Structures are given as structure tokens and as C-alpha cells.
Amino acid sequence: MFPAGASASSNLNSLMARHSKIIAVFGSSHPRPGEPDYEDARLLGSEFAARGFSVCTGGYGGVMEAALRGAKESGGHTVAITATFFRRESNSWAAEQRVVETWQERLFELIRISDGYIVCKGGTGTMAELAVVWEMMNKQVMPGKPLAVLGDFWAPVIERICEAEQAVDLRRGKAIGQLVRVVSTPAEAAELFARTLAGQDTERSRKNPKR
């Protein structure tokens, strides 16, 4: 399922043992402090931390920095997955960091360790991240995890994909669309993930009661 070399390091294994839920935040590396997209991502990190989630990003600037900053400022745990391919250091808001070699390994490690995914405004890199997570869930090559996009930036893309799929198979197209939620605010996103992941835990407990 995942590329060779993307296995977790010991510190991330310990992270996963200590922190039950990790949310990956994807988005552009361009926004700067004070700009709307940066401040939205900062608030997003804060909202997730306030609900007990750890926040994980690709570790560089823009949305990645802002989400980790917001989480760290609110007392949450923060994780960065970086790649030597980019020849850049992680931002200073990551409490833990994992370094891999390629951007592909970086993406799949972010996907692997996370329990949910939120996609902010971004360019081709962010579009690739959204597409890979969406397709992996569509093809059922990983367990169902919550996936959402923040704001209406990606909504037209999602709508067009669903329209194309529904033209071939109406039921299939609708099912694909249900894999991605569009949320308007950081608080709405955090509440959605809290409800969804709590519901999944409840369902697992029901199916696998302790003896």
C-alpha cells in the first residue's frame, strides 16, 4: 500500500501510542502570518488541539506552519514529516519530526500515520494530496477515515469529478462524493472530525467488546 521506506520511526510509533488521533493538514506553502489563509490554518490547528487531536503537516511554511503553530499555541502536540528532496528545515512549531527522502514518501507517511485529513487552499501539490487520499479511500486500499476540504476553493473540483463519475454510474458517483466533506470554518471542521472519529471508536467497541 505504501512506498518502501515509509515505515514509522520509533519516535512516531511512540507518538501514536501516546496520542490516539492525529489529523493531517494539507495546504499551500505560500501564505504568510497575517494573511487570511495563514490565519485560517492557524485557527484550524488551534481548534483541533482544543479537542485533543495532534496535528501533523508537511513541516514547511504557509498553511503547514500555521496549522502547527495554532496547535502548539493551544497546547496541542505537533508533528512534521519532511523530505530531504526539498532541502529545507522544518518550521519551529513541530514538537516531533520525521525525515524521509522523497516527496512521495513524505506524502504517504502523512497519510499513514494520520486518522483524518483536512485540505486547505493550495496549488498542484495540495491537489495531489487531496487526490491521493480521496483515491485511496475510493479504492478501499486503506480504512475509511474522515476527509474534508476547508472553504469553497476545492468544491468546484469535487463537483466536477462527481459529475463525471455519476455520468457513468449514478450510485458510484454519489458514493465517491460522500467520501469528501466541505466545511466552512475551522470550528466546523474540528467538530466534524471529533464526531466522526468518536463514532468510529464507538462502532469498533460495539463490534469488538472487551471480554
N, C-alpha and C. Protein backbone atom coordinates (compact mmCIF):
# COMPACT_ATOMS: atom_id res chain seq x y z
N MET A 1 0.81 -1.21 0.00
CA MET A 1 0.00 0.00 0.00
C MET A 1 0.84 1.26 0.00
N PHE A 2 1.93 1.28 0.78
CA PHE A 2 2.77 2.45 0.89
C PHE A 2 4.15 2.18 0.32
N PRO A 3 4.83 3.21 -0.18
CA PRO A 3 6.16 3.02 -0.76
C PRO A 3 7.15 2.49 0.25
N ALA A 4 8.16 1.77 -0.25
CA ALA A 4 9.22 1.28 0.62
C ALA A 4 9.91 2.46 1.29
N GLY A 5 10.28 2.27 2.55
CA GLY A 5 10.98 3.32 3.27
C GLY A 5 10.05 4.22 4.05
N ALA A 6 8.73 4.01 3.98
CA ALA A 6 7.79 4.89 4.66
C ALA A 6 7.35 4.36 6.01
N SER A 7 8.05 3.37 6.57
CA SER A 7 7.68 2.86 7.88
C SER A 7 7.99 3.89 8.93
N ALA A 8 7.25 3.84 10.05
CA ALA A 8 7.40 4.86 11.09
C ALA A 8 8.69 4.69 11.85
N SER A 9 9.26 5.82 12.26
CA SER A 9 10.41 5.78 13.16
C SER A 9 9.91 5.52 14.57
N SER A 10 10.84 5.19 15.48
CA SER A 10 10.44 4.85 16.83
C SER A 10 9.73 5.99 17.52
N ASN A 11 10.17 7.24 17.25
CA ASN A 11 9.53 8.35 17.94
C ASN A 11 8.09 8.54 17.47
N LEU A 12 7.79 8.28 16.18
CA LEU A 12 6.42 8.39 15.73
C LEU A 12 5.57 7.22 16.19
N ASN A 13 6.18 6.06 16.34
CA ASN A 13 5.43 4.96 16.95
C ASN A 13 5.05 5.30 18.38
N SER A 14 5.97 5.93 19.12
CA SER A 14 5.65 6.32 20.49
C SER A 14 4.60 7.41 20.50
N LEU A 15 4.66 8.32 19.51
CA LEU A 15 3.63 9.35 19.39
C LEU A 15 2.26 8.73 19.23
N MET A 16 2.16 7.77 18.32
CA MET A 16 0.88 7.14 18.05
C MET A 16 0.35 6.40 19.26
N ALA A 17 1.25 5.91 20.10
CA ALA A 17 0.83 5.23 21.32
C ALA A 17 0.29 6.22 22.35
N ARG A 18 0.89 7.42 22.38
CA ARG A 18 0.50 8.41 23.38
C ARG A 18 -0.68 9.24 22.96
N HIS A 19 -0.81 9.50 21.67
CA HIS A 19 -1.85 10.39 21.17
C HIS A 19 -2.72 9.58 20.21
N SER A 20 -3.98 9.38 20.59
CA SER A 20 -4.78 8.41 19.86
C SER A 20 -5.20 8.90 18.47
N LYS A 21 -5.35 10.20 18.27
CA LYS A 21 -5.85 10.69 16.98
C LYS A 21 -4.95 11.80 16.44
N ILE A 22 -4.55 11.65 15.19
CA ILE A 22 -3.69 12.62 14.52
C ILE A 22 -4.41 13.11 13.27
N ILE A 23 -4.45 14.41 13.09
CA ILE A 23 -5.08 15.00 11.91
C ILE A 23 -4.02 15.63 11.03
N ALA A 24 -3.99 15.25 9.75
CA ALA A 24 -3.07 15.83 8.79
C ALA A 24 -3.73 17.05 8.14
N VAL A 25 -2.97 18.13 8.09
CA VAL A 25 -3.45 19.36 7.43
C VAL A 25 -2.61 19.59 6.18
N PHE A 26 -3.27 19.67 5.03
CA PHE A 26 -2.59 19.93 3.77
C PHE A 26 -2.94 21.33 3.28
N GLY A 27 -1.99 21.99 2.62
CA GLY A 27 -2.28 23.31 2.08
C GLY A 27 -1.04 23.97 1.51
N SER A 28 -1.22 25.15 0.98
CA SER A 28 -0.17 25.89 0.30
C SER A 28 0.95 26.30 1.24
N SER A 29 2.16 26.36 0.70
CA SER A 29 3.32 26.81 1.48
C SER A 29 3.51 28.32 1.38
N HIS A 30 2.64 29.03 0.67
CA HIS A 30 2.87 30.45 0.39
C HIS A 30 2.30 31.45 1.40
N PRO A 31 1.15 31.20 2.05
CA PRO A 31 0.59 32.21 2.94
C PRO A 31 1.56 32.61 4.06
N ARG A 32 1.48 33.87 4.45
CA ARG A 32 2.34 34.42 5.50
C ARG A 32 1.50 34.90 6.68
N PRO A 33 2.12 35.01 7.85
CA PRO A 33 1.37 35.49 9.02
C PRO A 33 0.61 36.77 8.74
N GLY A 34 -0.62 36.80 9.19
CA GLY A 34 -1.48 37.95 8.97
C GLY A 34 -2.37 37.83 7.75
N GLU A 35 -2.01 36.98 6.80
CA GLU A 35 -2.84 36.77 5.63
C GLU A 35 -3.99 35.83 5.96
N PRO A 36 -5.16 35.99 5.31
CA PRO A 36 -6.34 35.20 5.67
C PRO A 36 -6.11 33.69 5.64
N ASP A 37 -5.44 33.18 4.61
CA ASP A 37 -5.25 31.73 4.52
C ASP A 37 -4.35 31.22 5.64
N TYR A 38 -3.36 32.01 6.02
CA TYR A 38 -2.48 31.63 7.13
C TYR A 38 -3.27 31.62 8.44
N GLU A 39 -4.03 32.66 8.68
CA GLU A 39 -4.75 32.76 9.95
C GLU A 39 -5.86 31.72 10.05
N ASP A 40 -6.48 31.38 8.92
CA ASP A 40 -7.48 30.29 8.94
C ASP A 40 -6.83 28.97 9.34
N ALA A 41 -5.65 28.69 8.78
CA ALA A 41 -4.95 27.44 9.11
C ALA A 41 -4.48 27.45 10.56
N ARG A 42 -4.06 28.60 11.03
CA ARG A 42 -3.65 28.72 12.44
C ARG A 42 -4.82 28.42 13.37
N LEU A 43 -5.98 28.99 13.04
CA LEU A 43 -7.18 28.71 13.83
C LEU A 43 -7.58 27.25 13.72
N LEU A 44 -7.40 26.66 12.54
CA LEU A 44 -7.71 25.25 12.34
C LEU A 44 -6.88 24.39 13.29
N GLY A 45 -5.57 24.64 13.35
CA GLY A 45 -4.73 23.90 14.27
C GLY A 45 -5.16 24.07 15.71
N SER A 46 -5.54 25.29 16.06
CA SER A 46 -5.99 25.56 17.43
C SER A 46 -7.27 24.80 17.75
N GLU A 47 -8.21 24.78 16.82
CA GLU A 47 -9.48 24.09 17.04
C GLU A 47 -9.28 22.59 17.21
N PHE A 48 -8.39 22.01 16.41
CA PHE A 48 -8.12 20.58 16.56
C PHE A 48 -7.44 20.29 17.90
N ALA A 49 -6.48 21.11 18.28
CA ALA A 49 -5.78 20.90 19.55
C ALA A 49 -6.75 21.03 20.73
N ALA A 50 -7.69 21.96 20.63
CA ALA A 50 -8.66 22.15 21.71
C ALA A 50 -9.53 20.93 21.92
N ARG A 51 -9.65 20.10 20.90
CA ARG A 51 -10.47 18.87 21.01
C ARG A 51 -9.61 17.63 21.24
N GLY A 52 -8.35 17.85 21.56
CA GLY A 52 -7.48 16.73 21.94
C GLY A 52 -6.76 16.05 20.81
N PHE A 53 -6.82 16.59 19.60
CA PHE A 53 -6.12 15.99 18.47
C PHE A 53 -4.67 16.46 18.41
N SER A 54 -3.79 15.60 17.88
CA SER A 54 -2.47 16.02 17.45
C SER A 54 -2.59 16.50 16.01
N VAL A 55 -1.74 17.42 15.62
CA VAL A 55 -1.78 17.97 14.26
C VAL A 55 -0.47 17.64 13.55
N CYS A 56 -0.59 17.17 12.32
CA CYS A 56 0.56 16.77 11.53
C CYS A 56 0.52 17.48 10.18
N THR A 57 1.68 18.00 9.73
CA THR A 57 1.75 18.62 8.41
C THR A 57 3.07 18.24 7.75
N GLY A 58 3.25 18.76 6.53
CA GLY A 58 4.49 18.54 5.81
C GLY A 58 5.66 19.33 6.35
N GLY A 59 5.44 20.19 7.34
CA GLY A 59 6.53 20.76 8.13
C GLY A 59 7.18 22.03 7.64
N TYR A 60 6.73 22.57 6.50
CA TYR A 60 7.41 23.77 5.98
C TYR A 60 6.58 25.01 6.27
N GLY A 61 6.50 25.96 5.32
CA GLY A 61 5.86 27.24 5.60
C GLY A 61 4.39 27.27 5.24
N GLY A 62 3.84 28.47 5.26
CA GLY A 62 2.46 28.67 4.86
C GLY A 62 1.46 27.97 5.75
N VAL A 63 0.51 27.28 5.11
CA VAL A 63 -0.53 26.56 5.85
C VAL A 63 0.08 25.53 6.80
N MET A 64 1.16 24.87 6.37
CA MET A 64 1.80 23.85 7.21
C MET A 64 2.31 24.46 8.52
N GLU A 65 3.00 25.59 8.40
CA GLU A 65 3.48 26.28 9.59
C GLU A 65 2.33 26.78 10.46
N ALA A 66 1.34 27.38 9.81
CA ALA A 66 0.24 27.98 10.55
C ALA A 66 -0.55 26.96 11.36
N ALA A 67 -0.82 25.79 10.75
CA ALA A 67 -1.58 24.76 11.46
C ALA A 67 -0.82 24.24 12.68
N LEU A 68 0.49 24.01 12.51
CA LEU A 68 1.29 23.56 13.65
C LEU A 68 1.38 24.65 14.70
N ARG A 69 1.53 25.88 14.25
CA ARG A 69 1.61 27.00 15.20
C ARG A 69 0.34 27.11 16.03
N GLY A 70 -0.81 27.07 15.36
CA GLY A 70 -2.07 27.16 16.08
C GLY A 70 -2.25 26.05 17.10
N ALA A 71 -1.87 24.82 16.69
CA ALA A 71 -1.98 23.68 17.61
C ALA A 71 -1.03 23.83 18.79
N LYS A 72 0.21 24.22 18.51
CA LYS A 72 1.20 24.35 19.57
C LYS A 72 0.81 25.46 20.55
N GLU A 73 0.34 26.57 20.04
CA GLU A 73 -0.06 27.68 20.89
C GLU A 73 -1.25 27.32 21.78
N SER A 74 -2.03 26.34 21.35
CA SER A 74 -3.19 25.90 22.14
C SER A 74 -2.89 24.67 22.99
N GLY A 75 -1.61 24.32 23.09
CA GLY A 75 -1.22 23.21 23.95
C GLY A 75 -1.30 21.85 23.30
N GLY A 76 -1.47 21.79 21.98
CA GLY A 76 -1.56 20.51 21.30
C GLY A 76 -0.21 19.96 20.89
N HIS A 77 -0.22 18.69 20.50
CA HIS A 77 1.01 18.04 20.05
C HIS A 77 1.13 18.22 18.54
N THR A 78 2.36 18.47 18.06
CA THR A 78 2.57 18.77 16.65
C THR A 78 3.65 17.89 16.05
N VAL A 79 3.43 17.49 14.80
CA VAL A 79 4.34 16.58 14.10
C VAL A 79 4.59 17.09 12.70
N ALA A 80 5.84 17.02 12.26
CA ALA A 80 6.20 17.39 10.89
C ALA A 80 6.82 16.19 10.19
N ILE A 81 6.40 15.98 8.94
CA ILE A 81 7.04 14.99 8.08
C ILE A 81 7.71 15.77 6.95
N THR A 82 9.04 15.75 6.93
CA THR A 82 9.77 16.50 5.91
C THR A 82 10.55 15.54 5.01
N ALA A 83 11.09 16.09 3.91
CA ALA A 83 11.82 15.26 2.96
C ALA A 83 13.12 15.95 2.57
N THR A 84 14.20 15.18 2.49
CA THR A 84 15.48 15.73 2.06
C THR A 84 15.40 16.25 0.63
N PHE A 85 14.46 15.77 -0.13
CA PHE A 85 14.25 16.21 -1.51
C PHE A 85 14.11 17.73 -1.59
N PHE A 86 13.45 18.33 -0.60
CA PHE A 86 13.19 19.77 -0.63
C PHE A 86 14.34 20.61 -0.07
N ARG A 87 15.27 19.97 0.61
CA ARG A 87 16.45 20.66 1.16
C ARG A 87 16.06 21.86 2.01
N ARG A 88 15.10 21.65 2.86
CA ARG A 88 14.63 22.71 3.76
C ARG A 88 14.45 22.15 5.15
N GLU A 89 14.63 23.01 6.15
CA GLU A 89 14.41 22.61 7.54
C GLU A 89 12.93 22.77 7.89
N SER A 90 12.49 21.98 8.84
CA SER A 90 11.13 22.11 9.33
C SER A 90 10.94 23.45 10.03
N ASN A 91 9.72 23.93 10.05
CA ASN A 91 9.44 25.14 10.84
C ASN A 91 9.58 24.82 12.33
N SER A 92 9.62 25.85 13.13
CA SER A 92 9.96 25.70 14.56
C SER A 92 8.78 25.26 15.42
N TRP A 93 7.61 25.06 14.82
CA TRP A 93 6.43 24.72 15.62
C TRP A 93 6.20 23.22 15.75
N ALA A 94 7.06 22.41 15.17
CA ALA A 94 6.90 20.95 15.25
C ALA A 94 7.60 20.41 16.50
N ALA A 95 6.86 19.70 17.34
CA ALA A 95 7.46 19.07 18.51
C ALA A 95 8.21 17.80 18.13
N GLU A 96 7.73 17.13 17.10
CA GLU A 96 8.39 15.92 16.61
C GLU A 96 8.52 16.00 15.09
N GLN A 97 9.59 15.42 14.58
CA GLN A 97 9.83 15.46 13.14
C GLN A 97 10.32 14.11 12.64
N ARG A 98 9.84 13.73 11.47
CA ARG A 98 10.32 12.55 10.76
C ARG A 98 10.84 13.00 9.41
N VAL A 99 12.05 12.62 9.06
CA VAL A 99 12.65 12.99 7.80
C VAL A 99 12.71 11.77 6.89
N VAL A 100 12.15 11.89 5.69
CA VAL A 100 12.24 10.83 4.69
C VAL A 100 13.01 11.40 3.49
N GLU A 101 13.18 10.62 2.45
CA GLU A 101 14.00 11.07 1.33
C GLU A 101 13.21 11.79 0.25
N THR A 102 12.09 11.26 -0.16
CA THR A 102 11.40 11.78 -1.33
C THR A 102 10.06 12.42 -0.95
N TRP A 103 9.53 13.22 -1.88
CA TRP A 103 8.23 13.82 -1.61
C TRP A 103 7.13 12.76 -1.61
N GLN A 104 7.32 11.67 -2.38
CA GLN A 104 6.33 10.59 -2.36
C GLN A 104 6.27 9.92 -1.00
N GLU A 105 7.45 9.61 -0.42
CA GLU A 105 7.48 9.02 0.91
C GLU A 105 6.83 9.95 1.93
N ARG A 106 7.12 11.23 1.78
CA ARG A 106 6.56 12.22 2.71
C ARG A 106 5.03 12.19 2.68
N LEU A 107 4.46 12.20 1.48
CA LEU A 107 3.01 12.18 1.36
C LEU A 107 2.41 10.92 1.96
N PHE A 108 2.98 9.77 1.62
CA PHE A 108 2.40 8.52 2.11
C PHE A 108 2.61 8.33 3.61
N GLU A 109 3.66 8.91 4.16
CA GLU A 109 3.83 8.84 5.61
C GLU A 109 2.81 9.72 6.31
N LEU A 110 2.55 10.90 5.76
CA LEU A 110 1.49 11.75 6.31
C LEU A 110 0.15 11.01 6.29
N ILE A 111 -0.13 10.34 5.19
CA ILE A 111 -1.38 9.58 5.09
C ILE A 111 -1.40 8.43 6.09
N ARG A 112 -0.27 7.73 6.19
CA ARG A 112 -0.23 6.51 7.00
C ARG A 112 -0.46 6.78 8.48
N ILE A 113 0.18 7.82 9.02
CA ILE A 113 0.10 8.00 10.46
C ILE A 113 -1.14 8.75 10.91
N SER A 114 -1.89 9.32 9.98
CA SER A 114 -2.99 10.20 10.35
C SER A 114 -4.32 9.45 10.40
N ASP A 115 -5.20 9.98 11.25
CA ASP A 115 -6.54 9.40 11.41
C ASP A 115 -7.60 10.18 10.64
N GLY A 116 -7.23 11.34 10.12
CA GLY A 116 -8.14 12.15 9.33
C GLY A 116 -7.35 13.20 8.58
N TYR A 117 -8.00 13.82 7.57
CA TYR A 117 -7.30 14.72 6.67
C TYR A 117 -8.16 15.94 6.38
N ILE A 118 -7.56 17.12 6.48
CA ILE A 118 -8.25 18.36 6.13
C ILE A 118 -7.40 19.09 5.10
N VAL A 119 -8.02 19.52 4.00
CA VAL A 119 -7.31 20.12 2.88
C VAL A 119 -7.70 21.59 2.76
N CYS A 120 -6.72 22.47 2.86
CA CYS A 120 -6.93 23.90 2.71
C CYS A 120 -6.60 24.32 1.28
N LYS A 121 -6.78 25.59 0.99
CA LYS A 121 -6.47 26.11 -0.34
C LYS A 121 -5.00 25.85 -0.68
N GLY A 122 -4.73 25.51 -1.94
CA GLY A 122 -3.36 25.24 -2.34
C GLY A 122 -3.22 25.08 -3.83
N GLY A 123 -2.02 24.70 -4.27
CA GLY A 123 -1.73 24.54 -5.69
C GLY A 123 -1.66 23.08 -6.09
N THR A 124 -0.76 22.76 -7.01
CA THR A 124 -0.70 21.41 -7.55
C THR A 124 -0.29 20.39 -6.50
N GLY A 125 0.60 20.76 -5.57
CA GLY A 125 0.99 19.83 -4.52
C GLY A 125 -0.17 19.47 -3.63
N THR A 126 -0.95 20.47 -3.24
CA THR A 126 -2.13 20.23 -2.41
C THR A 126 -3.18 19.44 -3.16
N MET A 127 -3.33 19.73 -4.45
CA MET A 127 -4.28 18.98 -5.27
C MET A 127 -3.88 17.51 -5.33
N ALA A 128 -2.58 17.24 -5.43
CA ALA A 128 -2.11 15.85 -5.45
C ALA A 128 -2.42 15.16 -4.13
N GLU A 129 -2.24 15.87 -3.03
CA GLU A 129 -2.52 15.28 -1.71
C GLU A 129 -3.99 14.93 -1.57
N LEU A 130 -4.86 15.86 -1.96
CA LEU A 130 -6.30 15.60 -1.93
C LEU A 130 -6.64 14.40 -2.81
N ALA A 131 -6.09 14.37 -4.02
CA ALA A 131 -6.42 13.30 -4.97
C ALA A 131 -5.97 11.94 -4.46
N VAL A 132 -4.77 11.86 -3.88
CA VAL A 132 -4.25 10.57 -3.43
C VAL A 132 -5.08 10.04 -2.26
N VAL A 133 -5.38 10.89 -1.28
CA VAL A 133 -6.19 10.44 -0.15
C VAL A 133 -7.56 10.01 -0.63
N TRP A 134 -8.19 10.80 -1.47
CA TRP A 134 -9.52 10.51 -1.98
C TRP A 134 -9.53 9.19 -2.75
N GLU A 135 -8.54 8.98 -3.61
CA GLU A 135 -8.48 7.76 -4.41
C GLU A 135 -8.20 6.53 -3.55
N MET A 136 -7.36 6.67 -2.54
CA MET A 136 -7.07 5.53 -1.67
C MET A 136 -8.33 5.07 -0.93
N MET A 137 -9.16 6.03 -0.53
CA MET A 137 -10.41 5.66 0.12
C MET A 137 -11.42 5.14 -0.90
N ASN A 138 -11.43 5.73 -2.09
CA ASN A 138 -12.33 5.27 -3.14
C ASN A 138 -12.04 3.83 -3.53
N LYS A 139 -10.74 3.49 -3.62
CA LYS A 139 -10.36 2.13 -3.99
C LYS A 139 -10.28 1.20 -2.77
N GLN A 140 -10.58 1.74 -1.59
CA GLN A 140 -10.61 0.96 -0.34
C GLN A 140 -9.28 0.27 -0.07
N VAL A 141 -8.19 0.98 -0.33
CA VAL A 141 -6.88 0.42 -0.02
C VAL A 141 -6.41 0.85 1.37
N MET A 142 -7.21 1.63 2.07
CA MET A 142 -6.97 1.92 3.47
C MET A 142 -8.32 2.08 4.16
N PRO A 143 -8.34 1.91 5.49
CA PRO A 143 -9.62 2.05 6.20
C PRO A 143 -10.22 3.43 5.99
N GLY A 144 -11.54 3.50 6.02
CA GLY A 144 -12.21 4.78 5.87
C GLY A 144 -11.82 5.75 6.97
N LYS A 145 -11.38 6.92 6.58
CA LYS A 145 -11.00 7.97 7.51
C LYS A 145 -11.66 9.27 7.05
N PRO A 146 -11.97 10.17 7.98
CA PRO A 146 -12.61 11.41 7.54
C PRO A 146 -11.70 12.27 6.68
N LEU A 147 -12.27 12.81 5.61
CA LEU A 147 -11.58 13.70 4.69
C LEU A 147 -12.47 14.89 4.43
N ALA A 148 -11.93 16.08 4.58
CA ALA A 148 -12.71 17.30 4.35
C ALA A 148 -11.84 18.36 3.69
N VAL A 149 -12.51 19.30 3.02
CA VAL A 149 -11.83 20.46 2.48
C VAL A 149 -12.39 21.69 3.18
N LEU A 150 -11.51 22.65 3.44
CA LEU A 150 -11.92 23.86 4.16
C LEU A 150 -12.26 24.97 3.17
N GLY A 151 -13.47 25.49 3.27
CA GLY A 151 -13.90 26.55 2.38
C GLY A 151 -14.36 26.02 1.04
N ASP A 152 -14.64 26.95 0.12
CA ASP A 152 -15.22 26.54 -1.17
C ASP A 152 -14.21 26.45 -2.30
N PHE A 153 -12.91 26.58 -1.99
CA PHE A 153 -11.89 26.58 -3.05
C PHE A 153 -11.91 25.29 -3.85
N TRP A 154 -11.98 24.14 -3.17
CA TRP A 154 -11.92 22.84 -3.85
C TRP A 154 -13.31 22.33 -4.27
N ALA A 155 -14.37 23.00 -3.82
CA ALA A 155 -15.72 22.50 -4.10
C ALA A 155 -16.00 22.32 -5.59
N PRO A 156 -15.62 23.26 -6.47
CA PRO A 156 -15.89 23.04 -7.90
C PRO A 156 -15.17 21.83 -8.48
N VAL A 157 -13.95 21.58 -8.00
CA VAL A 157 -13.20 20.40 -8.47
C VAL A 157 -13.93 19.13 -8.06
N ILE A 158 -14.34 19.08 -6.80
CA ILE A 158 -15.05 17.90 -6.29
C ILE A 158 -16.35 17.68 -7.06
N GLU A 159 -17.07 18.77 -7.30
CA GLU A 159 -18.34 18.66 -8.02
C GLU A 159 -18.15 18.13 -9.44
N ARG A 160 -17.12 18.61 -10.12
CA ARG A 160 -16.90 18.15 -11.49
C ARG A 160 -16.51 16.67 -11.54
N ILE A 161 -15.67 16.24 -10.59
CA ILE A 161 -15.29 14.82 -10.53
C ILE A 161 -16.53 13.97 -10.30
N CYS A 162 -17.37 14.39 -9.37
CA CYS A 162 -18.57 13.61 -9.07
C CYS A 162 -19.53 13.58 -10.25
N GLU A 163 -19.63 14.71 -10.96
CA GLU A 163 -20.49 14.75 -12.15
C GLU A 163 -20.00 13.75 -13.20
N ALA A 164 -18.68 13.70 -13.40
CA ALA A 164 -18.12 12.77 -14.38
C ALA A 164 -18.38 11.32 -13.98
N GLU A 165 -18.23 11.02 -12.69
CA GLU A 165 -18.46 9.65 -12.21
C GLU A 165 -19.94 9.29 -12.29
N GLN A 166 -20.81 10.25 -11.97
CA GLN A 166 -22.25 9.96 -11.99
C GLN A 166 -22.75 9.75 -13.41
N ALA A 167 -22.09 10.36 -14.39
CA ALA A 167 -22.49 10.16 -15.78
C ALA A 167 -22.27 8.72 -16.22
N VAL A 168 -21.31 8.06 -15.56
CA VAL A 168 -21.02 6.65 -15.87
C VAL A 168 -21.85 5.73 -14.99
N ASP A 169 -21.90 6.06 -13.71
CA ASP A 169 -22.62 5.21 -12.74
C ASP A 169 -23.13 6.12 -11.64
N LEU A 170 -24.44 6.36 -11.61
CA LEU A 170 -25.03 7.32 -10.67
C LEU A 170 -24.71 6.96 -9.23
N ARG A 171 -24.91 5.69 -8.87
CA ARG A 171 -24.68 5.28 -7.49
C ARG A 171 -23.21 5.43 -7.11
N ARG A 172 -22.33 5.03 -8.00
CA ARG A 172 -20.89 5.14 -7.75
C ARG A 172 -20.48 6.61 -7.60
N GLY A 173 -21.00 7.46 -8.46
CA GLY A 173 -20.66 8.87 -8.38
C GLY A 173 -21.08 9.49 -7.06
N LYS A 174 -22.26 9.15 -6.61
CA LYS A 174 -22.73 9.67 -5.32
C LYS A 174 -21.87 9.15 -4.18
N ALA A 175 -21.48 7.88 -4.24
CA ALA A 175 -20.65 7.29 -3.19
C ALA A 175 -19.29 7.96 -3.11
N ILE A 176 -18.71 8.27 -4.28
CA ILE A 176 -17.41 8.95 -4.31
C ILE A 176 -17.52 10.33 -3.68
N GLY A 177 -18.61 11.05 -4.00
CA GLY A 177 -18.80 12.37 -3.44
C GLY A 177 -18.95 12.37 -1.93
N GLN A 178 -19.52 11.31 -1.39
CA GLN A 178 -19.72 11.23 0.06
C GLN A 178 -18.43 11.01 0.83
N LEU A 179 -17.34 10.70 0.13
CA LEU A 179 -16.07 10.48 0.82
C LEU A 179 -15.41 11.80 1.24
N VAL A 180 -15.83 12.91 0.64
CA VAL A 180 -15.23 14.22 0.93
C VAL A 180 -16.31 15.16 1.44
N ARG A 181 -16.05 15.80 2.56
CA ARG A 181 -16.97 16.80 3.09
C ARG A 181 -16.40 18.19 2.87
N VAL A 182 -17.26 19.15 2.62
CA VAL A 182 -16.87 20.55 2.50
C VAL A 182 -17.31 21.25 3.78
N VAL A 183 -16.37 21.87 4.49
CA VAL A 183 -16.68 22.56 5.73
C VAL A 183 -16.34 24.04 5.56
N SER A 184 -17.10 24.89 6.24
CA SER A 184 -16.97 26.33 6.03
C SER A 184 -15.96 26.99 6.94
N THR A 185 -15.81 26.48 8.16
CA THR A 185 -14.96 27.14 9.15
C THR A 185 -14.06 26.12 9.85
N PRO A 186 -12.97 26.58 10.46
CA PRO A 186 -12.12 25.67 11.24
C PRO A 186 -12.88 24.98 12.36
N ALA A 187 -13.76 25.71 13.04
CA ALA A 187 -14.53 25.10 14.13
C ALA A 187 -15.44 23.99 13.61
N GLU A 188 -16.08 24.22 12.47
CA GLU A 188 -16.94 23.19 11.86
C GLU A 188 -16.12 21.96 11.49
N ALA A 189 -14.92 22.19 10.97
CA ALA A 189 -14.05 21.07 10.61
C ALA A 189 -13.70 20.24 11.84
N ALA A 190 -13.27 20.90 12.90
CA ALA A 190 -12.86 20.18 14.11
C ALA A 190 -14.03 19.42 14.73
N GLU A 191 -15.21 20.02 14.72
CA GLU A 191 -16.39 19.34 15.25
C GLU A 191 -16.74 18.11 14.42
N LEU A 192 -16.66 18.24 13.09
CA LEU A 192 -16.94 17.11 12.22
C LEU A 192 -16.00 15.95 12.50
N PHE A 193 -14.72 16.24 12.63
CA PHE A 193 -13.75 15.17 12.87
C PHE A 193 -13.95 14.57 14.26
N ALA A 194 -14.26 15.38 15.23
CA ALA A 194 -14.49 14.87 16.59
C ALA A 194 -15.67 13.91 16.60
N ARG A 195 -16.77 14.30 15.94
CA ARG A 195 -17.96 13.43 15.90
C ARG A 195 -17.69 12.16 15.12
N THR A 196 -17.06 12.30 13.96
CA THR A 196 -16.82 11.14 13.09
C THR A 196 -15.90 10.13 13.75
N LEU A 197 -14.79 10.59 14.30
CA LEU A 197 -13.83 9.68 14.90
C LEU A 197 -14.37 9.07 16.19
N ALA A 198 -15.14 9.84 16.96
CA ALA A 198 -15.77 9.27 18.15
C ALA A 198 -16.78 8.20 17.76
N GLY A 199 -17.52 8.45 16.67
CA GLY A 199 -18.47 7.45 16.20
C GLY A 199 -17.80 6.19 15.72
N GLN A 200 -16.64 6.33 15.06
CA GLN A 200 -15.90 5.15 14.61
C GLN A 200 -15.39 4.34 15.80
N ASP A 201 -14.93 5.03 16.84
CA ASP A 201 -14.47 4.33 18.04
C ASP A 201 -15.61 3.57 18.70
N THR A 202 -16.78 4.21 18.74
CA THR A 202 -17.95 3.57 19.34
C THR A 202 -18.35 2.33 18.56
N GLU A 203 -18.31 2.44 17.23
CA GLU A 203 -18.68 1.30 16.39
C GLU A 203 -17.69 0.15 16.55
N ARG A 204 -16.39 0.48 16.63
CA ARG A 204 -15.39 -0.58 16.85
C ARG A 204 -15.59 -1.25 18.19
N SER A 205 -15.91 -0.48 19.22
CA SER A 205 -16.13 -1.04 20.55
C SER A 205 -17.35 -1.95 20.54
N ARG A 206 -18.38 -1.55 19.78
CA ARG A 206 -19.58 -2.38 19.71
C ARG A 206 -19.31 -3.71 19.05
N LYS A 207 -18.49 -3.67 17.98
CA LYS A 207 -18.18 -4.88 17.23
C LYS A 207 -17.17 -5.75 17.93
N ASN A 208 -16.31 -5.13 18.76
CA ASN A 208 -15.25 -5.88 19.43
C ASN A 208 -15.26 -5.59 20.93
N PRO A 209 -16.32 -6.00 21.62
CA PRO A 209 -16.39 -5.72 23.07
C PRO A 209 -15.27 -6.43 23.83
N LYS A 210 -14.80 -5.78 24.87
CA LYS A 210 -13.76 -6.43 25.70
C LYS A 210 -14.37 -7.59 26.46
N ARG A 211 -13.62 -8.65 26.51
CA ARG A 211 -14.10 -9.85 27.21
C ARG A 211 -13.72 -9.79 28.67
